[in-house]
C-alpha atoms as a PDB file:
ATOM      1  CA  UNK A   1      99.898 137.346  79.779  1.00  0.00           C
ATOM      2  CA  UNK A   2      97.254 135.077  79.332  1.00  0.00           C
ATOM      3  CA  UNK A   3      98.962 132.681  77.244  1.00  0.00           C
ATOM      4  CA  UNK A   4     101.766 132.575  79.221  1.00  0.00           C
ATOM      5  CA  UNK A   5      99.236 131.760  81.960  1.00  0.00           C
ATOM      6  CA  UNK A   6      97.702 129.022  80.291  1.00  0.00           C
ATOM      7  CA  UNK A   7     100.486 128.015  79.366  1.00  0.00           C
ATOM      8  CA  UNK A   8     101.569 127.591  83.316  1.00  0.00           C
ATOM      9  CA  UNK A   9      98.262 125.846  83.940  1.00  0.00           C
ATOM     10  CA  UNK A  10      98.798 123.629  81.862  1.00  0.00           C
ATOM     11  CA  UNK A  11     101.882 122.327  83.038  1.00  0.00           C
ATOM     12  CA  UNK A  12     100.456 121.829  87.055  1.00  0.00           C
ATOM     13  CA  UNK A  13      97.372 120.081  84.785  1.00  0.00           C
ATOM     14  CA  UNK A  14      99.889 117.539  83.034  1.00  0.00           C
ATOM     15  CA  UNK A  15     102.426 117.871  86.178  1.00  0.00           C
ATOM     16  CA  UNK A  16      99.350 116.639  88.852  1.00  0.00           C
ATOM     17  CA  UNK A  17      97.994 113.946  86.500  1.00  0.00           C
ATOM     18  CA  UNK A  18     101.820 112.419  86.723  1.00  0.00           C
ATOM     19  CA  UNK A  19     101.462 112.576  90.665  1.00  0.00           C
ATOM     20  CA  UNK A  20      98.537 110.660  89.950  1.00  0.00           C
ATOM     21  CA  UNK A  21      99.590 108.300  88.230  1.00  0.00           C
ATOM     22  CA  UNK A  22     102.370 107.669  90.328  1.00  0.00           C
ATOM     23  CA  UNK A  23     100.750 107.344  93.412  1.00  0.00           C
ATOM     24  CA  UNK A  24      99.023 104.637  91.895  1.00  0.00           C
ATOM     25  CA  UNK A  25     101.792 103.345  91.171  1.00  0.00           C
ATOM     26  CA  UNK A  26     103.176 103.284  94.702  1.00  0.00           C
ATOM     27  CA  UNK A  27      99.809 101.488  96.082  1.00  0.00           C
ATOM     28  CA  UNK A  28      99.372  98.945  93.777  1.00  0.00           C
ATOM     29  CA  UNK A  29     103.173  98.006  95.072  1.00  0.00           C
ATOM     30  CA  UNK A  30     102.220  98.317  98.558  1.00  0.00           C
ATOM     31  CA  UNK A  31      99.178  96.405  98.245  1.00  0.00           C
ATOM     32  CA  UNK A  32     101.396  93.503  96.141  1.00  0.00           C
ATOM     33  CA  UNK A  33     104.263  93.681  98.820  1.00  0.00           C
ATOM     34  CA  UNK A  34     101.956  93.309 101.913  1.00  0.00           C
ATOM     35  CA  UNK A  35     100.636  90.627 100.117  1.00  0.00           C
ATOM     36  CA  UNK A  36     103.754  89.005  99.105  1.00  0.00           C
ATOM     37  CA  UNK A  37     105.092  88.624 102.887  1.00  0.00           C
ATOM     38  CA  UNK A  38     101.585  87.597 104.030  1.00  0.00           C
ATOM     39  CA  UNK A  39     101.866  84.686 101.670  1.00  0.00           C
ATOM     40  CA  UNK A  40     104.986  83.814 102.532  1.00  0.00           C
ATOM     41  CA  UNK A  41     103.826  84.609 106.811  1.00  0.00           C
ATOM     42  CA  UNK A  42     100.939  81.356 106.149  1.00  0.00           C
ATOM     43  CA  UNK A  43     103.261  79.406 104.393  1.00  0.00           C
ATOM     44  CA  UNK A  44     106.290  79.782 107.044  1.00  0.00           C
ATOM     45  CA  UNK A  45     103.908  79.195 110.064  1.00  0.00           C
ATOM     46  CA  UNK A  46     103.272  75.214 109.075  1.00  0.00           C
ATOM     47  CA  UNK A  47     107.289  75.373 108.930  1.00  0.00           C
ATOM     48  CA  UNK A  48     107.585  76.650 112.293  1.00  0.00           C
ATOM     49  CA  UNK A  49     105.113  74.656 113.901  1.00  0.00           C
ATOM     50  CA  UNK A  50     106.836  71.401 113.392  1.00  0.00           C
END
């Protein structure tokens, strides 16, 4: 029984690591997105002022 439990625990650990890596990529994508939108807004501001 402990062998089966060990297998389940190992699978859960791998899933958590994968979820953490995925969350890091999502956070990185959000930062890049905000940065891009900010840059675009700053670039468009002088054009709108003319």
